[in-house]
């Protein structure tokens, strides 16, 4: 788990060897000690990209989450230390929500198929495909019930396994409490797969050596656009970004990223590190009646 303090963007142009067109290149560098070191890294990475262009090798932009080959470029909001060092970091994601990143306490998000979700949880697609609504207000869909039963069944097959189960706008979230799970270990990957976690999310956990759980609302679910600037915020956008943060905080009142349902698994174990993560997670994510 690594969230560098300093970032630097180096820019240049390269000629497409096939079309002859000039293409803008922007490459980030990072470091935890100084902006100068981040600049040196960005210049080295940029030079490698330019050299590849000259050889006719096209870079693959926007790989999934854009973070498979570099650290997450997110603002560090709060750091939580454990017995073995840094155990969690709260960051702000690209679009604005707060994210809890954990070094060993596993999160698993299990989404329902989009067709079964309500429009408010499905973004623009909800305007085109209204989705299946329960016959009675407050009644959960059959698919919701079946999916939850499958999650509980999968948990019952894991020895000495314990987790807190939450409802999210898109389905369910598990916070695994029985022990610390190294994101890079095969057993962690197997557990994520057994619950049907998104394969791309599973890969991100391994690549970044952390688990991630969103703590606050997605902007579009509370009637807002995404944050006007990514981290690090350019000087010319600081005032606008600050105003957005203030508006976002007000819009989040009464909403929550999830709500607690029940504990599941084959044990009731809650390790010391999980106790700390539960307090942080529930204190920020389970804060309102409206799931967002």
Protein backbone atom coordinates (compact mmCIF):
# COMPACT_ATOMS: atom_id res chain seq x y z
CA UNK A 1 0.00 0.00 0.00
CA UNK A 2 1.68 3.15 -1.21
CA UNK A 3 0.29 6.67 -1.61
CA UNK A 4 3.14 9.06 -2.52
CA UNK A 5 3.10 12.54 -1.02
CA UNK A 6 4.63 14.27 -4.05
CA UNK A 7 3.68 14.13 -7.72
CA UNK A 8 5.05 15.86 -10.80
CA UNK A 9 3.76 15.95 -14.38
CA UNK A 10 6.22 16.07 -17.28
CA UNK A 11 4.95 16.85 -20.78
CA UNK A 12 6.29 16.56 -24.30
CA UNK A 13 5.26 15.63 -27.83
CA UNK A 14 6.04 12.62 -29.97
CA UNK A 15 5.55 11.89 -33.64
CA UNK A 16 3.33 9.01 -34.62
CA UNK A 17 5.59 6.92 -36.90
CA UNK A 18 2.62 5.79 -38.99
CA UNK A 19 0.67 9.04 -39.52
CA UNK A 20 3.33 11.63 -38.76
CA UNK A 21 0.95 13.40 -36.40
CA UNK A 22 2.27 15.13 -33.30
CA UNK A 23 0.85 13.60 -30.13
CA UNK A 24 0.93 15.24 -26.68
CA UNK A 25 2.49 13.13 -23.94
CA UNK A 26 1.88 13.63 -20.21
CA UNK A 27 3.64 11.37 -17.72
CA UNK A 28 3.53 11.46 -13.93
CA UNK A 29 6.34 10.83 -11.49
CA UNK A 30 6.03 10.36 -7.75
CA UNK A 31 8.04 10.24 -4.55
CA UNK A 32 7.42 10.24 -0.81
CA UNK A 33 10.25 12.59 0.14
CA UNK A 34 10.43 15.50 -2.29
CA UNK A 35 8.86 17.05 -5.36
CA UNK A 36 12.29 17.21 -7.00
CA UNK A 37 12.60 13.42 -6.81
CA UNK A 38 9.09 13.10 -8.26
CA UNK A 39 10.12 15.40 -11.12
CA UNK A 40 13.21 13.32 -11.86
CA UNK A 41 11.11 10.17 -12.03
CA UNK A 42 8.50 11.77 -14.30
CA UNK A 43 11.22 12.92 -16.69
CA UNK A 44 12.74 9.43 -16.79
CA UNK A 45 9.36 7.83 -17.43
CA UNK A 46 8.58 10.40 -20.13
CA UNK A 47 11.90 9.71 -21.86
CA UNK A 48 11.05 5.98 -21.96
CA UNK A 49 7.64 6.69 -23.49
CA UNK A 50 9.16 8.95 -26.16
CA UNK A 51 11.74 6.29 -26.99
CA UNK A 52 9.03 3.67 -27.39
CA UNK A 53 7.14 5.97 -29.74
CA UNK A 54 10.24 6.30 -31.89
CA UNK A 55 10.38 2.51 -32.11
CA UNK A 56 6.73 2.36 -33.13
CA UNK A 57 5.52 1.00 -29.78
CA UNK A 58 2.25 2.64 -28.82
CA UNK A 59 1.72 3.09 -25.06
CA UNK A 60 -1.43 1.56 -23.62
CA UNK A 61 -3.23 4.47 -22.04
CA UNK A 62 -5.97 4.13 -19.48
CA UNK A 63 -5.36 0.58 -18.35
CA UNK A 64 -8.05 -0.46 -15.91
CA UNK A 65 -8.34 2.07 -13.05
CA UNK A 66 -5.28 3.70 -14.71
CA UNK A 67 -3.29 2.39 -11.75
CA UNK A 68 -1.97 -1.02 -12.64
CA UNK A 69 1.58 0.16 -13.26
CA UNK A 70 1.88 2.99 -10.73
CA UNK A 71 0.70 4.06 -7.28
CA UNK A 72 -2.72 5.55 -6.78
CA UNK A 73 -2.67 9.30 -7.39
CA UNK A 74 -4.98 10.31 -4.56
CA UNK A 75 -4.78 12.84 -1.75
CA UNK A 76 -3.96 11.31 1.62
CA UNK A 77 -6.58 12.51 4.08
CA UNK A 78 -5.76 10.40 7.15
CA UNK A 79 -3.31 7.64 8.06
CA UNK A 80 -4.03 4.86 10.55
CA UNK A 81 -1.12 2.98 12.09
CA UNK A 82 -1.28 -0.56 13.45
CA UNK A 83 1.07 -2.86 15.33
CA UNK A 84 3.04 -3.67 12.17
CA UNK A 85 3.06 -0.18 10.67
CA UNK A 86 0.63 1.62 8.37
CA UNK A 87 -2.64 -0.33 8.43
CA UNK A 88 -4.97 2.01 6.56
CA UNK A 89 -5.11 5.29 4.65
CA UNK A 90 -8.18 7.39 3.90
CA UNK A 91 -7.78 9.02 0.49
CA UNK A 92 -9.92 11.07 -1.87
CA UNK A 93 -10.72 9.36 -5.16
CA UNK A 94 -10.58 10.94 -8.58
CA UNK A 95 -14.26 11.91 -8.67
CA UNK A 96 -14.32 13.14 -5.05
CA UNK A 97 -15.53 10.42 -2.62
CA UNK A 98 -13.44 9.35 0.35
CA UNK A 99 -11.89 5.87 0.11
CA UNK A 100 -10.68 3.62 2.92
CA UNK A 101 -7.57 1.69 1.84
CA UNK A 102 -6.48 -1.15 4.12
CA UNK A 103 -3.27 -3.14 4.16
CA UNK A 104 -4.75 -6.34 5.57
CA UNK A 105 -8.41 -6.05 6.54
CA UNK A 106 -10.27 -7.39 3.52
CA UNK A 107 -13.21 -5.68 1.85
CA UNK A 108 -15.33 -7.49 -0.75
CA UNK A 109 -17.93 -5.67 -2.83
CA UNK A 110 -20.47 -7.91 -4.57
CA UNK A 111 -22.64 -6.14 -7.16
CA UNK A 112 -26.09 -7.20 -8.29
CA UNK A 113 -26.61 -7.42 -12.07
CA UNK A 114 -27.33 -3.91 -13.33
CA UNK A 115 -30.78 -4.84 -14.62
CA UNK A 116 -32.02 -5.44 -11.09
CA UNK A 117 -30.82 -2.16 -9.64
CA UNK A 118 -32.97 0.89 -9.17
CA UNK A 119 -32.33 3.92 -11.45
CA UNK A 120 -30.76 5.95 -8.62
CA UNK A 121 -28.02 3.33 -8.31
CA UNK A 122 -27.44 2.86 -12.02
CA UNK A 123 -26.53 6.28 -13.33
CA UNK A 124 -27.54 7.23 -16.87
CA UNK A 125 -28.59 3.67 -17.70
CA UNK A 126 -31.39 4.04 -15.18
CA UNK A 127 -33.04 6.58 -17.46
CA UNK A 128 -33.14 4.08 -20.31
CA UNK A 129 -33.78 0.86 -18.41
CA UNK A 130 -35.92 1.42 -15.31
CA UNK A 131 -35.07 -1.98 -13.83
CA UNK A 132 -37.30 -4.38 -11.91
CA UNK A 133 -39.04 -2.88 -8.90
CA UNK A 134 -40.36 -4.92 -5.98
CA UNK A 135 -44.13 -5.38 -6.04
CA UNK A 136 -44.46 -3.90 -2.56
CA UNK A 137 -42.63 -0.81 -1.29
CA UNK A 138 -39.67 -1.79 0.86
CA UNK A 139 -39.70 -5.37 -0.44
CA UNK A 140 -36.36 -6.69 -1.63
CA UNK A 141 -36.13 -8.27 -5.07
CA UNK A 142 -35.84 -12.01 -5.37
CA UNK A 143 -32.42 -11.55 -6.90
CA UNK A 144 -31.30 -9.52 -3.88
CA UNK A 145 -32.42 -12.30 -1.55
CA UNK A 146 -30.82 -15.04 -3.64
CA UNK A 147 -27.52 -13.15 -3.88
CA UNK A 148 -27.40 -12.58 -0.13
CA UNK A 149 -28.07 -16.29 0.45
CA UNK A 150 -25.19 -17.17 -1.90
CA UNK A 151 -22.89 -14.84 0.01
CA UNK A 152 -23.84 -16.47 3.31
CA UNK A 153 -23.32 -19.91 1.78
CA UNK A 154 -19.85 -18.96 0.51
CA UNK A 155 -18.96 -17.59 3.95
CA UNK A 156 -20.06 -20.86 5.59
CA UNK A 157 -17.55 -22.76 3.47
CA UNK A 158 -14.56 -20.71 4.68
CA UNK A 159 -12.98 -22.20 7.85
CA UNK A 160 -12.79 -19.82 10.83
CA UNK A 161 -14.17 -17.02 8.67
CA UNK A 162 -16.02 -13.99 10.02
CA UNK A 163 -17.33 -10.90 8.25
CA UNK A 164 -19.71 -8.00 8.63
CA UNK A 165 -22.18 -7.80 5.75
CA UNK A 166 -23.49 -4.46 4.50
CA UNK A 167 -26.00 -3.37 1.87
CA UNK A 168 -24.69 -0.95 -0.78
CA UNK A 169 -26.43 0.91 -3.62
CA UNK A 170 -25.21 -1.79 -6.01
CA UNK A 171 -25.45 -4.88 -3.84
CA UNK A 172 -23.40 -5.93 -0.83
CA UNK A 173 -20.09 -5.32 0.95
CA UNK A 174 -18.16 -7.60 3.28
CA UNK A 175 -15.69 -6.39 5.89
CA UNK A 176 -13.72 -9.49 6.90
CA UNK A 177 -12.90 -9.44 10.60
CA UNK A 178 -11.33 -12.78 11.63
CA UNK A 179 -7.74 -11.92 10.70
CA UNK A 180 -5.43 -9.94 8.44
CA UNK A 181 -5.25 -11.11 4.81
CA UNK A 182 -2.26 -10.15 2.65
CA UNK A 183 -3.70 -8.82 -0.66
CA UNK A 184 -0.85 -10.44 -2.59
CA UNK A 185 -1.40 -13.95 -1.21
CA UNK A 186 -3.24 -16.56 -3.21
CA UNK A 187 -5.61 -17.31 -0.34
CA UNK A 188 -6.86 -13.71 -0.45
CA UNK A 189 -7.49 -13.91 -4.17
CA UNK A 190 -9.35 -17.19 -3.69
CA UNK A 191 -11.63 -15.67 -1.05
CA UNK A 192 -12.43 -12.68 -3.26
CA UNK A 193 -13.24 -15.01 -6.15
CA UNK A 194 -15.39 -17.28 -3.97
CA UNK A 195 -17.72 -14.33 -3.26
CA UNK A 196 -17.86 -13.27 -6.91
CA UNK A 197 -15.89 -10.06 -6.51
CA UNK A 198 -15.14 -8.14 -9.69
CA UNK A 199 -12.02 -9.74 -11.28
CA UNK A 200 -10.66 -6.30 -12.09
CA UNK A 201 -11.05 -5.18 -8.48
CA UNK A 202 -9.33 -8.39 -7.37
CA UNK A 203 -6.41 -7.59 -9.63
CA UNK A 204 -6.19 -4.03 -8.32
CA UNK A 205 -6.02 -5.31 -4.74
CA UNK A 206 -3.06 -7.50 -5.64
CA UNK A 207 -1.29 -4.85 -7.70
CA UNK A 208 -1.68 -2.10 -5.11
CA UNK A 209 -1.29 -4.31 -2.02
CA UNK A 210 -4.46 -3.00 -0.43
CA UNK A 211 -8.22 -3.37 -0.25
CA UNK A 212 -10.49 -0.42 -1.00
CA UNK A 213 -13.93 0.61 0.23
CA UNK A 214 -15.77 3.81 -0.67
CA UNK A 215 -16.84 5.78 2.40
CA UNK A 216 -18.90 8.64 0.99
CA UNK A 217 -21.40 9.16 -1.81
CA UNK A 218 -20.65 9.05 -5.51
CA UNK A 219 -21.23 12.65 -6.66
CA UNK A 220 -23.78 11.84 -9.36
CA UNK A 221 -25.94 10.01 -6.83
CA UNK A 222 -26.39 13.23 -4.84
CA UNK A 223 -26.93 15.52 -7.81
CA UNK A 224 -23.36 16.72 -8.24
CA UNK A 225 -20.70 16.53 -10.91
CA UNK A 226 -17.31 14.97 -10.22
CA UNK A 227 -14.65 16.99 -8.45
CA UNK A 228 -13.26 19.71 -10.75
CA UNK A 229 -9.63 18.69 -10.25
CA UNK A 230 -7.57 15.59 -9.65
CA UNK A 231 -4.74 15.34 -7.17
CA UNK A 232 -2.48 17.27 -6.94
CA UNK A 233 -4.89 20.18 -7.45
CA UNK A 234 -3.44 22.86 -9.78
CA UNK A 235 -3.11 26.32 -8.21
CA UNK A 236 -5.64 27.81 -10.64
CA UNK A 237 -8.30 25.32 -9.52
CA UNK A 238 -7.75 25.37 -5.75
CA UNK A 239 -10.55 27.87 -5.03
CA UNK A 240 -13.02 26.05 -7.30
CA UNK A 241 -12.04 22.69 -5.83
CA UNK A 242 -12.46 24.01 -2.27
CA UNK A 243 -15.98 25.25 -3.07
CA UNK A 244 -16.81 21.86 -4.57
CA UNK A 245 -15.64 20.07 -1.41
CA UNK A 246 -17.85 22.31 0.72
CA UNK A 247 -20.89 21.66 -1.49
CA UNK A 248 -20.14 17.95 -1.59
CA UNK A 249 -19.95 17.71 2.21
CA UNK A 250 -23.36 19.38 2.53
CA UNK A 251 -24.91 17.15 -0.15
CA UNK A 252 -23.62 14.03 1.62
CA UNK A 253 -25.57 14.78 4.82
CA UNK A 254 -28.15 12.04 5.39
CA UNK A 255 -26.51 9.64 2.95
CA UNK A 256 -24.32 6.60 3.46
CA UNK A 257 -22.18 4.41 1.24
CA UNK A 258 -23.64 1.31 2.93
CA UNK A 259 -25.75 0.06 5.84
CA UNK A 260 -24.96 -2.79 8.19
CA UNK A 261 -27.06 -5.95 7.78
CA UNK A 262 -25.57 -8.82 9.80
CA UNK A 263 -22.47 -10.79 10.68
CA UNK A 264 -21.82 -13.93 8.66
CA UNK A 265 -19.31 -16.79 8.57
CA UNK A 266 -18.15 -19.71 10.65
CA UNK A 267 -16.80 -17.74 13.61
CA UNK A 268 -17.39 -14.51 15.54
CA UNK A 269 -13.73 -13.52 15.60
CA UNK A 270 -12.88 -9.83 15.35
CA UNK A 271 -9.12 -9.26 15.36
CA UNK A 272 -7.62 -6.12 16.91
CA UNK A 273 -6.87 -4.47 13.58
CA UNK A 274 -10.41 -5.15 12.34
CA UNK A 275 -11.86 -3.41 15.38
CA UNK A 276 -10.06 -0.22 14.40
CA UNK A 277 -11.13 -0.49 10.75
CA UNK A 278 -14.78 -1.16 11.70
CA UNK A 279 -14.88 2.01 13.78
CA UNK A 280 -13.48 4.12 10.94
CA UNK A 281 -15.53 2.47 8.21
CA UNK A 282 -18.88 2.49 10.00
CA UNK A 283 -18.31 5.98 11.34
CA UNK A 284 -17.93 7.39 7.84
CA UNK A 285 -19.82 4.98 5.56
CA UNK A 286 -22.93 4.14 7.62
CA UNK A 287 -24.05 7.70 8.28
CA UNK A 288 -27.49 8.07 6.67
CA UNK A 289 -30.66 6.37 5.53
CA UNK A 290 -30.16 7.07 1.83
CA UNK A 291 -27.63 4.81 0.14
CA UNK A 292 -25.45 6.76 -2.23
